[in-house]
C-alpha atoms as a PDB file:
ATOM      1  CA  MET A   1       0.000   0.000   0.000  1.00  0.00           C
ATOM      2  CA  ASN A   2       2.846   2.359  -0.897  1.00  0.00           C
ATOM      3  CA  GLY A   3       4.137   2.609   2.676  1.00  0.00           C
ATOM      4  CA  ALA A   4       0.912   4.195   3.975  1.00  0.00           C
ATOM      5  CA  PRO A   5      -0.038   3.110   7.511  1.00  0.00           C
ATOM      6  CA  THR A   6      -2.384   0.150   7.680  1.00  0.00           C
ATOM      7  CA  VAL A   7      -4.460  -1.574  10.309  1.00  0.00           C
ATOM      8  CA  ARG A   8      -5.316  -5.275  10.457  1.00  0.00           C
ATOM      9  CA  VAL A   9      -9.100  -5.721  10.407  1.00  0.00           C
ATOM     10  CA  THR A  10     -10.923  -8.931  11.276  1.00  0.00           C
ATOM     11  CA  THR A  11     -14.427  -9.189   9.776  1.00  0.00           C
ATOM     12  CA  TRP A  12     -17.003 -11.682  10.982  1.00  0.00           C
ATOM     13  CA  TRP A  13     -19.882 -12.710   8.683  1.00  0.00           C
ATOM     14  CA  LEU A  14     -23.008 -13.973  10.448  1.00  0.00           C
ATOM     15  CA  GLU A  15     -26.403 -15.265   9.384  1.00  0.00           C
ATOM     16  CA  GLN A  16     -29.792 -16.583  10.366  1.00  0.00           C
ATOM     17  CA  THR A  17     -31.588 -19.024   8.084  1.00  0.00           C
ATOM     18  CA  SER A  18     -34.946 -19.224   9.866  1.00  0.00           C
ATOM     19  CA  PRO A  19     -37.084 -16.749  11.822  1.00  0.00           C
ATOM     20  CA  GLY A  20     -36.822 -19.229  14.695  1.00  0.00           C
ATOM     21  CA  ASP A  21     -33.090 -18.495  14.921  1.00  0.00           C
ATOM     22  CA  LEU A  22     -33.822 -15.085  16.443  1.00  0.00           C
ATOM     23  CA  SER A  23     -33.343 -14.891  20.188  1.00  0.00           C
ATOM     24  CA  PRO A  24     -34.974 -11.554  21.123  1.00  0.00           C
ATOM     25  CA  ALA A  25     -33.515  -9.353  23.820  1.00  0.00           C
ATOM     26  CA  VAL A  26     -35.347  -9.617  27.136  1.00  0.00           C
ATOM     27  CA  ARG A  27     -35.738  -6.623  29.429  1.00  0.00           C
ATOM     28  CA  ALA A  28     -35.982  -6.899  33.174  1.00  0.00           C
ATOM     29  CA  PRO A  29     -39.612  -6.845  34.401  1.00  0.00           C
ATOM     30  CA  GLU A  30     -39.005  -3.607  36.322  1.00  0.00           C
ATOM     31  CA  ALA A  31     -37.459  -1.836  33.312  1.00  0.00           C
ATOM     32  CA  PRO A  32     -39.713   0.680  31.548  1.00  0.00           C
ATOM     33  CA  PRO A  33     -40.935  -0.462  28.133  1.00  0.00           C
ATOM     34  CA  LEU A  34     -39.010   0.772  25.124  1.00  0.00           C
ATOM     35  CA  PRO A  35     -40.884   2.489  22.292  1.00  0.00           C
ATOM     36  CA  ALA A  36     -41.004   0.578  19.031  1.00  0.00           C
ATOM     37  CA  PRO A  37     -38.612   1.882  16.357  1.00  0.00           C
ATOM     38  CA  VAL A  38     -40.224   3.817  13.518  1.00  0.00           C
ATOM     39  CA  ARG A  39     -39.657   3.257   9.824  1.00  0.00           C
ATOM     40  CA  SER A  40     -38.328   6.287   7.975  1.00  0.00           C
ATOM     41  CA  GLY A  41     -40.911   6.169   5.207  1.00  0.00           C
ATOM     42  CA  VAL A  42     -39.500   8.897   2.961  1.00  0.00           C
ATOM     43  CA  PRO A  43     -36.029   8.329   1.476  1.00  0.00           C
ATOM     44  CA  SER A  44     -33.987  11.183   2.959  1.00  0.00           C
ATOM     45  CA  PRO A  45     -30.256  11.378   2.185  1.00  0.00           C
ATOM     46  CA  GLU A  46     -29.860  14.161   4.742  1.00  0.00           C
ATOM     47  CA  PHE A  47     -31.425  12.143   7.568  1.00  0.00           C
ATOM     48  CA  SER A  48     -29.690   8.885   6.654  1.00  0.00           C
ATOM     49  CA  ARG A  49     -26.306  10.602   6.423  1.00  0.00           C
ATOM     50  CA  PHE A  50     -26.949  12.171   9.824  1.00  0.00           C
ATOM     51  CA  LEU A  51     -27.654   8.730  11.328  1.00  0.00           C
ATOM     52  CA  TYR A  52     -24.610   7.223   9.611  1.00  0.00           C
ATOM     53  CA  THR A  53     -22.194   9.880  10.878  1.00  0.00           C
ATOM     54  CA  ALA A  54     -23.757  10.227  14.334  1.00  0.00           C
ATOM     55  CA  VAL A  55     -23.592   6.466  14.995  1.00  0.00           C
ATOM     56  CA  GLY A  56     -20.449   5.579  13.076  1.00  0.00           C
ATOM     57  CA  GLY A  57     -18.260   8.625  13.562  1.00  0.00           C
ATOM     58  CA  ASP A  58     -16.374   7.216  16.525  1.00  0.00           C
ATOM     59  CA  VAL A  59     -16.098   3.663  15.186  1.00  0.00           C
ATOM     60  CA  THR A  60     -14.534   4.505  11.821  1.00  0.00           C
ATOM     61  CA  TRP A  61     -17.504   4.182   9.495  1.00  0.00           C
ATOM     62  CA  THR A  62     -16.010   5.923   6.477  1.00  0.00           C
ATOM     63  CA  ASP A  63     -17.135   4.037   3.357  1.00  0.00           C
ATOM     64  CA  ARG A  64     -20.194   6.238   2.722  1.00  0.00           C
ATOM     65  CA  LEU A  65     -18.639   9.601   3.581  1.00  0.00           C
ATOM     66  CA  PRO A  66     -17.796  10.310  -0.094  1.00  0.00           C
ATOM     67  CA  TRP A  67     -21.365   9.570  -1.245  1.00  0.00           C
ATOM     68  CA  ASP A  68     -23.090  12.571  -2.783  1.00  0.00           C
ATOM     69  CA  HIS A  69     -26.815  13.328  -2.444  1.00  0.00           C
ATOM     70  CA  ALA A  70     -27.715  11.483  -5.657  1.00  0.00           C
ATOM     71  CA  ARG A  71     -25.963   8.288  -4.595  1.00  0.00           C
ATOM     72  CA  TRP A  72     -27.630   8.328  -1.176  1.00  0.00           C
ATOM     73  CA  LEU A  73     -31.030   8.881  -2.779  1.00  0.00           C
ATOM     74  CA  ALA A  74     -30.522   6.115  -5.348  1.00  0.00           C
ATOM     75  CA  PHE A  75     -29.654   3.650  -2.596  1.00  0.00           C
ATOM     76  CA  LEU A  76     -32.443   4.648  -0.209  1.00  0.00           C
ATOM     77  CA  ALA A  77     -35.098   4.618  -2.962  1.00  0.00           C
ATOM     78  CA  ARG A  78     -34.352   1.032  -3.992  1.00  0.00           C
ATOM     79  CA  PRO A  79     -37.235  -1.379  -3.289  1.00  0.00           C
ATOM     80  CA  GLY A  80     -36.389  -3.438  -0.216  1.00  0.00           C
ATOM     81  CA  VAL A  81     -34.189  -0.828   1.488  1.00  0.00           C
ATOM     82  CA  GLU A  82     -35.590   0.258   4.858  1.00  0.00           C
ATOM     83  CA  THR A  83     -34.334   2.447   7.697  1.00  0.00           C
ATOM     84  CA  TRP A  84     -35.820   1.857  11.153  1.00  0.00           C
ATOM     85  CA  VAL A  85     -35.059   4.465  13.821  1.00  0.00           C
ATOM     86  CA  ALA A  86     -35.230   4.093  17.601  1.00  0.00           C
ATOM     87  CA  TYR A  87     -36.225   7.243  19.474  1.00  0.00           C
ATOM     88  CA  GLU A  88     -36.004   8.219  23.112  1.00  0.00           C
ATOM     89  CA  ARG A  89     -38.230  11.139  24.091  1.00  0.00           C
ATOM     90  CA  GLY A  90     -38.354  12.258  20.461  1.00  0.00           C
ATOM     91  CA  THR A  91     -34.591  12.102  19.934  1.00  0.00           C
ATOM     92  CA  PRO A  92     -33.013   9.619  17.477  1.00  0.00           C
ATOM     93  CA  ALA A  93     -31.121   7.054  19.563  1.00  0.00           C
ATOM     94  CA  GLY A  94     -30.032   4.607  16.868  1.00  0.00           C
ATOM     95  CA  PHE A  95     -31.008   2.918  13.646  1.00  0.00           C
ATOM     96  CA  VAL A  96     -30.989  -0.306  11.696  1.00  0.00           C
ATOM     97  CA  GLU A  97     -30.786  -0.291   7.909  1.00  0.00           C
ATOM     98  CA  LEU A  98     -32.073  -3.268   5.923  1.00  0.00           C
ATOM     99  CA  ASP A  99     -31.112  -4.031   2.342  1.00  0.00           C
ATOM    100  CA  GLY A 100     -33.350  -6.618   0.699  1.00  0.00           C
ATOM    101  CA  HIS A 101     -31.676  -8.568  -2.078  1.00  0.00           C
ATOM    102  CA  ASP A 102     -33.091 -10.972  -4.639  1.00  0.00           C
ATOM    103  CA  GLU A 103     -34.204 -14.479  -3.739  1.00  0.00           C
ATOM    104  CA  GLY A 104     -35.226 -13.690  -0.176  1.00  0.00           C
ATOM    105  CA  THR A 105     -31.914 -12.529   1.276  1.00  0.00           C
ATOM    106  CA  VAL A 106     -31.834  -9.467   3.556  1.00  0.00           C
ATOM    107  CA  GLU A 107     -28.658  -7.776   4.749  1.00  0.00           C
ATOM    108  CA  ILE A 108     -28.558  -5.752   7.938  1.00  0.00           C
ATOM    109  CA  SER A 109     -26.299  -3.237   6.256  1.00  0.00           C
ATOM    110  CA  TYR A 110     -25.955  -0.839   9.212  1.00  0.00           C
ATOM    111  CA  PHE A 111     -26.960  -0.979  12.841  1.00  0.00           C
ATOM    112  CA  GLY A 112     -25.935   1.023  15.867  1.00  0.00           C
ATOM    113  CA  LEU A 113     -26.661   3.581  18.564  1.00  0.00           C
ATOM    114  CA  LEU A 114     -25.564   7.166  18.979  1.00  0.00           C
ATOM    115  CA  PRO A 115     -22.826   7.294  21.656  1.00  0.00           C
ATOM    116  CA  ALA A 116     -25.065   8.889  24.326  1.00  0.00           C
ATOM    117  CA  PHE A 117     -27.482   5.939  24.139  1.00  0.00           C
ATOM    118  CA  ARG A 118     -24.995   3.063  24.332  1.00  0.00           C
ATOM    119  CA  GLY A 119     -24.696   0.808  27.362  1.00  0.00           C
ATOM    120  CA  ARG A 120     -28.340   1.125  28.381  1.00  0.00           C
ATOM    121  CA  GLY A 121     -29.850  -2.022  26.879  1.00  0.00           C
ATOM    122  CA  LEU A 122     -31.209  -0.335  23.765  1.00  0.00           C
ATOM    123  CA  GLY A 123     -28.906  -2.176  21.344  1.00  0.00           C
ATOM    124  CA  GLY A 124     -30.319  -5.635  21.967  1.00  0.00           C
ATOM    125  CA  HIS A 125     -33.863  -4.292  21.652  1.00  0.00           C
ATOM    126  CA  LEU A 126     -33.129  -2.450  18.382  1.00  0.00           C
ATOM    127  CA  LEU A 127     -31.266  -5.397  16.860  1.00  0.00           C
ATOM    128  CA  SER A 128     -34.096  -7.771  17.823  1.00  0.00           C
ATOM    129  CA  PHE A 129     -36.664  -5.443  16.261  1.00  0.00           C
ATOM    130  CA  GLY A 130     -34.563  -4.909  13.127  1.00  0.00           C
ATOM    131  CA  THR A 131     -34.019  -8.639  12.669  1.00  0.00           C
ATOM    132  CA  GLU A 132     -37.765  -9.243  12.972  1.00  0.00           C
ATOM    133  CA  ARG A 133     -38.329  -6.608  10.274  1.00  0.00           C
ATOM    134  CA  ALA A 134     -35.735  -8.323   8.074  1.00  0.00           C
ATOM    135  CA  TRP A 135     -37.650 -11.572   8.382  1.00  0.00           C
ATOM    136  CA  ASP A 136     -40.977  -9.969   7.415  1.00  0.00           C
ATOM    137  CA  LEU A 137     -39.554  -7.523   4.842  1.00  0.00           C
ATOM    138  CA  GLY A 138     -41.083  -9.443   1.915  1.00  0.00           C
ATOM    139  CA  GLU A 139     -44.558  -8.753   3.301  1.00  0.00           C
ATOM    140  CA  ARG A 140     -44.043  -4.989   2.897  1.00  0.00           C
ATOM    141  CA  TRP A 141     -42.719  -5.030  -0.685  1.00  0.00           C
ATOM    142  CA  ARG A 142     -44.957  -6.202  -3.499  1.00  0.00           C
ATOM    143  CA  GLY A 143     -43.351  -8.861  -5.659  1.00  0.00           C
ATOM    144  CA  ARG A 144     -40.492  -9.572  -3.239  1.00  0.00           C
ATOM    145  CA  ALA A 145     -39.865 -13.150  -2.151  1.00  0.00           C
ATOM    146  CA  ALA A 146     -40.319 -14.115   1.476  1.00  0.00           C
ATOM    147  CA  THR A 147     -37.124 -13.777   3.483  1.00  0.00           C
ATOM    148  CA  ARG A 148     -35.188 -17.012   3.852  1.00  0.00           C
ATOM    149  CA  ARG A 149     -31.840 -15.660   5.053  1.00  0.00           C
ATOM    150  CA  VAL A 150     -30.749 -12.620   7.085  1.00  0.00           C
ATOM    151  CA  TRP A 151     -27.058 -11.791   7.221  1.00  0.00           C
ATOM    152  CA  VAL A 152     -24.766  -9.167   8.668  1.00  0.00           C
ATOM    153  CA  HIS A 153     -21.091  -8.493   9.080  1.00  0.00           C
ATOM    154  CA  THR A 154     -19.170  -6.729  11.804  1.00  0.00           C
ATOM    155  CA  CYS A 155     -15.497  -6.073  12.294  1.00  0.00           C
ATOM    156  CA  THR A 156     -12.857  -4.993  14.761  1.00  0.00           C
ATOM    157  CA  LYS A 157     -13.470  -1.353  13.750  1.00  0.00           C
ATOM    158  CA  ASP A 158     -17.045  -1.540  15.103  1.00  0.00           C
ATOM    159  CA  GLY A 159     -18.038  -1.161  18.738  1.00  0.00           C
ATOM    160  CA  PRO A 160     -16.540  -3.703  21.163  1.00  0.00           C
ATOM    161  CA  HIS A 161     -19.905  -5.337  21.941  1.00  0.00           C
ATOM    162  CA  ALA A 162     -21.223  -5.699  18.369  1.00  0.00           C
ATOM    163  CA  LEU A 163     -20.188  -9.305  17.718  1.00  0.00           C
ATOM    164  CA  ALA A 164     -21.504 -10.516  21.081  1.00  0.00           C
ATOM    165  CA  ASN A 165     -24.839  -8.748  20.497  1.00  0.00           C
ATOM    166  CA  TYR A 166     -25.279 -10.454  17.118  1.00  0.00           C
ATOM    167  CA  ARG A 167     -24.473 -13.831  18.620  1.00  0.00           C
ATOM    168  CA  ARG A 168     -26.875 -13.309  21.532  1.00  0.00           C
ATOM    169  CA  ARG A 169     -29.606 -12.540  19.000  1.00  0.00           C
ATOM    170  CA  GLY A 170     -29.044 -15.949  17.350  1.00  0.00           C
ATOM    171  CA  PHE A 171     -26.755 -15.056  14.452  1.00  0.00           C
ATOM    172  CA  ARG A 172     -24.255 -17.797  13.575  1.00  0.00           C
ATOM    173  CA  LEU A 173     -20.778 -17.223  12.192  1.00  0.00           C
ATOM    174  CA  PHE A 174     -20.301 -18.466   8.622  1.00  0.00           C
ATOM    175  CA  ASP A 175     -17.014 -16.796   7.628  1.00  0.00           C
ATOM    176  CA  THR A 176     -14.128 -14.772   9.027  1.00  0.00           C
ATOM    177  CA  THR A 177     -11.685 -12.675   7.013  1.00  0.00           C
ATOM    178  CA  VAL A 178      -8.556 -10.790   8.025  1.00  0.00           C
ATOM    179  CA  GLU A 179      -7.208  -7.970   5.839  1.00  0.00           C
ATOM    180  CA  ASP A 180      -4.860  -5.035   6.113  1.00  0.00           C
ATOM    181  CA  GLU A 181      -6.717  -1.783   5.389  1.00  0.00           C
ATOM    182  CA  PRO A 182      -5.515   1.822   5.183  1.00  0.00           C
ATOM    183  CA  ALA A 183      -5.481   3.351   8.647  1.00  0.00           C
ATOM    184  CA  ALA A 184      -8.144   6.018   9.076  1.00  0.00           C
ATOM    185  CA  GLU A 185      -9.042   8.296  11.937  1.00  0.00           C
ATOM    186  CA  ALA A 186     -12.574   8.088  13.292  1.00  0.00           C
ATOM    187  CA  PRO A 187     -13.992  11.310  11.830  1.00  0.00           C
ATOM    188  CA  GLY A 188     -16.740  11.981  14.359  1.00  0.00           C
ATOM    189  CA  PRO A 189     -20.081  13.435  13.267  1.00  0.00           C
ATOM    190  CA  TRP A 190     -18.523  16.873  12.700  1.00  0.00           C
ATOM    191  CA  PRO A 191     -15.032  18.433  12.703  1.00  0.00           C
ATOM    192  CA  GLY A 192     -13.675  18.680  16.240  1.00  0.00           C
ATOM    193  CA  ALA A 193     -16.362  16.439  17.741  1.00  0.00           C
ATOM    194  CA  HIS A 194     -13.809  14.370  19.651  1.00  0.00           C
ATOM    195  CA  ASP A 195     -12.363  17.526  21.259  1.00  0.00           C
ATOM    196  CA  ARG A 196     -15.622  17.941  23.259  1.00  0.00           C
ATOM    197  CA  GLN A 197     -15.123  14.741  25.286  1.00  0.00           C
END
Protein backbone atom coordinates (compact mmCIF):
# COMPACT_ATOMS: atom_id res chain seq x y z
CA MET A 1 0.00 0.00 0.00
CA ASN A 2 2.85 2.36 -0.90
CA GLY A 3 4.14 2.61 2.68
CA ALA A 4 0.91 4.20 3.97
CA PRO A 5 -0.04 3.11 7.51
CA THR A 6 -2.38 0.15 7.68
CA VAL A 7 -4.46 -1.57 10.31
CA ARG A 8 -5.32 -5.27 10.46
CA VAL A 9 -9.10 -5.72 10.41
CA THR A 10 -10.92 -8.93 11.28
CA THR A 11 -14.43 -9.19 9.78
CA TRP A 12 -17.00 -11.68 10.98
CA TRP A 13 -19.88 -12.71 8.68
CA LEU A 14 -23.01 -13.97 10.45
CA GLU A 15 -26.40 -15.26 9.38
CA GLN A 16 -29.79 -16.58 10.37
CA THR A 17 -31.59 -19.02 8.08
CA SER A 18 -34.95 -19.22 9.87
CA PRO A 19 -37.08 -16.75 11.82
CA GLY A 20 -36.82 -19.23 14.69
CA ASP A 21 -33.09 -18.49 14.92
CA LEU A 22 -33.82 -15.09 16.44
CA SER A 23 -33.34 -14.89 20.19
CA PRO A 24 -34.97 -11.55 21.12
CA ALA A 25 -33.52 -9.35 23.82
CA VAL A 26 -35.35 -9.62 27.14
CA ARG A 27 -35.74 -6.62 29.43
CA ALA A 28 -35.98 -6.90 33.17
CA PRO A 29 -39.61 -6.85 34.40
CA GLU A 30 -39.01 -3.61 36.32
CA ALA A 31 -37.46 -1.84 33.31
CA PRO A 32 -39.71 0.68 31.55
CA PRO A 33 -40.94 -0.46 28.13
CA LEU A 34 -39.01 0.77 25.12
CA PRO A 35 -40.88 2.49 22.29
CA ALA A 36 -41.00 0.58 19.03
CA PRO A 37 -38.61 1.88 16.36
CA VAL A 38 -40.22 3.82 13.52
CA ARG A 39 -39.66 3.26 9.82
CA SER A 40 -38.33 6.29 7.98
CA GLY A 41 -40.91 6.17 5.21
CA VAL A 42 -39.50 8.90 2.96
CA PRO A 43 -36.03 8.33 1.48
CA SER A 44 -33.99 11.18 2.96
CA PRO A 45 -30.26 11.38 2.19
CA GLU A 46 -29.86 14.16 4.74
CA PHE A 47 -31.42 12.14 7.57
CA SER A 48 -29.69 8.88 6.65
CA ARG A 49 -26.31 10.60 6.42
CA PHE A 50 -26.95 12.17 9.82
CA LEU A 51 -27.65 8.73 11.33
CA TYR A 52 -24.61 7.22 9.61
CA THR A 53 -22.19 9.88 10.88
CA ALA A 54 -23.76 10.23 14.33
CA VAL A 55 -23.59 6.47 15.00
CA GLY A 56 -20.45 5.58 13.08
CA GLY A 57 -18.26 8.63 13.56
CA ASP A 58 -16.37 7.22 16.52
CA VAL A 59 -16.10 3.66 15.19
CA THR A 60 -14.53 4.50 11.82
CA TRP A 61 -17.50 4.18 9.50
CA THR A 62 -16.01 5.92 6.48
CA ASP A 63 -17.13 4.04 3.36
CA ARG A 64 -20.19 6.24 2.72
CA LEU A 65 -18.64 9.60 3.58
CA PRO A 66 -17.80 10.31 -0.09
CA TRP A 67 -21.36 9.57 -1.24
CA ASP A 68 -23.09 12.57 -2.78
CA HIS A 69 -26.81 13.33 -2.44
CA ALA A 70 -27.72 11.48 -5.66
CA ARG A 71 -25.96 8.29 -4.60
CA TRP A 72 -27.63 8.33 -1.18
CA LEU A 73 -31.03 8.88 -2.78
CA ALA A 74 -30.52 6.12 -5.35
CA PHE A 75 -29.65 3.65 -2.60
CA LEU A 76 -32.44 4.65 -0.21
CA ALA A 77 -35.10 4.62 -2.96
CA ARG A 78 -34.35 1.03 -3.99
CA PRO A 79 -37.23 -1.38 -3.29
CA GLY A 80 -36.39 -3.44 -0.22
CA VAL A 81 -34.19 -0.83 1.49
CA GLU A 82 -35.59 0.26 4.86
CA THR A 83 -34.33 2.45 7.70
CA TRP A 84 -35.82 1.86 11.15
CA VAL A 85 -35.06 4.46 13.82
CA ALA A 86 -35.23 4.09 17.60
CA TYR A 87 -36.22 7.24 19.47
CA GLU A 88 -36.00 8.22 23.11
CA ARG A 89 -38.23 11.14 24.09
CA GLY A 90 -38.35 12.26 20.46
CA THR A 91 -34.59 12.10 19.93
CA PRO A 92 -33.01 9.62 17.48
CA ALA A 93 -31.12 7.05 19.56
CA GLY A 94 -30.03 4.61 16.87
CA PHE A 95 -31.01 2.92 13.65
CA VAL A 96 -30.99 -0.31 11.70
CA GLU A 97 -30.79 -0.29 7.91
CA LEU A 98 -32.07 -3.27 5.92
CA ASP A 99 -31.11 -4.03 2.34
CA GLY A 100 -33.35 -6.62 0.70
CA HIS A 101 -31.68 -8.57 -2.08
CA ASP A 102 -33.09 -10.97 -4.64
CA GLU A 103 -34.20 -14.48 -3.74
CA GLY A 104 -35.23 -13.69 -0.18
CA THR A 105 -31.91 -12.53 1.28
CA VAL A 106 -31.83 -9.47 3.56
CA GLU A 107 -28.66 -7.78 4.75
CA ILE A 108 -28.56 -5.75 7.94
CA SER A 109 -26.30 -3.24 6.26
CA TYR A 110 -25.96 -0.84 9.21
CA PHE A 111 -26.96 -0.98 12.84
CA GLY A 112 -25.94 1.02 15.87
CA LEU A 113 -26.66 3.58 18.56
CA LEU A 114 -25.56 7.17 18.98
CA PRO A 115 -22.83 7.29 21.66
CA ALA A 116 -25.07 8.89 24.33
CA PHE A 117 -27.48 5.94 24.14
CA ARG A 118 -25.00 3.06 24.33
CA GLY A 119 -24.70 0.81 27.36
CA ARG A 120 -28.34 1.13 28.38
CA GLY A 121 -29.85 -2.02 26.88
CA LEU A 122 -31.21 -0.34 23.76
CA GLY A 123 -28.91 -2.18 21.34
CA GLY A 124 -30.32 -5.63 21.97
CA HIS A 125 -33.86 -4.29 21.65
CA LEU A 126 -33.13 -2.45 18.38
CA LEU A 127 -31.27 -5.40 16.86
CA SER A 128 -34.10 -7.77 17.82
CA PHE A 129 -36.66 -5.44 16.26
CA GLY A 130 -34.56 -4.91 13.13
CA THR A 131 -34.02 -8.64 12.67
CA GLU A 132 -37.77 -9.24 12.97
CA ARG A 133 -38.33 -6.61 10.27
CA ALA A 134 -35.74 -8.32 8.07
CA TRP A 135 -37.65 -11.57 8.38
CA ASP A 136 -40.98 -9.97 7.41
CA LEU A 137 -39.55 -7.52 4.84
CA GLY A 138 -41.08 -9.44 1.91
CA GLU A 139 -44.56 -8.75 3.30
CA ARG A 140 -44.04 -4.99 2.90
CA TRP A 141 -42.72 -5.03 -0.69
CA ARG A 142 -44.96 -6.20 -3.50
CA GLY A 143 -43.35 -8.86 -5.66
CA ARG A 144 -40.49 -9.57 -3.24
CA ALA A 145 -39.86 -13.15 -2.15
CA ALA A 146 -40.32 -14.11 1.48
CA THR A 147 -37.12 -13.78 3.48
CA ARG A 148 -35.19 -17.01 3.85
CA ARG A 149 -31.84 -15.66 5.05
CA VAL A 150 -30.75 -12.62 7.08
CA TRP A 151 -27.06 -11.79 7.22
CA VAL A 152 -24.77 -9.17 8.67
CA HIS A 153 -21.09 -8.49 9.08
CA THR A 154 -19.17 -6.73 11.80
CA CYS A 155 -15.50 -6.07 12.29
CA THR A 156 -12.86 -4.99 14.76
CA LYS A 157 -13.47 -1.35 13.75
CA ASP A 158 -17.05 -1.54 15.10
CA GLY A 159 -18.04 -1.16 18.74
CA PRO A 160 -16.54 -3.70 21.16
CA HIS A 161 -19.90 -5.34 21.94
CA ALA A 162 -21.22 -5.70 18.37
CA LEU A 163 -20.19 -9.31 17.72
CA ALA A 164 -21.50 -10.52 21.08
CA ASN A 165 -24.84 -8.75 20.50
CA TYR A 166 -25.28 -10.45 17.12
CA ARG A 167 -24.47 -13.83 18.62
CA ARG A 168 -26.88 -13.31 21.53
CA ARG A 169 -29.61 -12.54 19.00
CA GLY A 170 -29.04 -15.95 17.35
CA PHE A 171 -26.76 -15.06 14.45
CA ARG A 172 -24.25 -17.80 13.57
CA LEU A 173 -20.78 -17.22 12.19
CA PHE A 174 -20.30 -18.47 8.62
CA ASP A 175 -17.01 -16.80 7.63
CA THR A 176 -14.13 -14.77 9.03
CA THR A 177 -11.69 -12.67 7.01
CA VAL A 178 -8.56 -10.79 8.03
CA GLU A 179 -7.21 -7.97 5.84
CA ASP A 180 -4.86 -5.04 6.11
CA GLU A 181 -6.72 -1.78 5.39
CA PRO A 182 -5.52 1.82 5.18
CA ALA A 183 -5.48 3.35 8.65
CA ALA A 184 -8.14 6.02 9.08
CA GLU A 185 -9.04 8.30 11.94
CA ALA A 186 -12.57 8.09 13.29
CA PRO A 187 -13.99 11.31 11.83
CA GLY A 188 -16.74 11.98 14.36
CA PRO A 189 -20.08 13.44 13.27
CA TRP A 190 -18.52 16.87 12.70
CA PRO A 191 -15.03 18.43 12.70
CA GLY A 192 -13.68 18.68 16.24
CA ALA A 193 -16.36 16.44 17.74
CA HIS A 194 -13.81 14.37 19.65
CA ASP A 195 -12.36 17.53 21.26
CA ARG A 196 -15.62 17.94 23.26
CA GLN A 197 -15.12 14.74 25.29
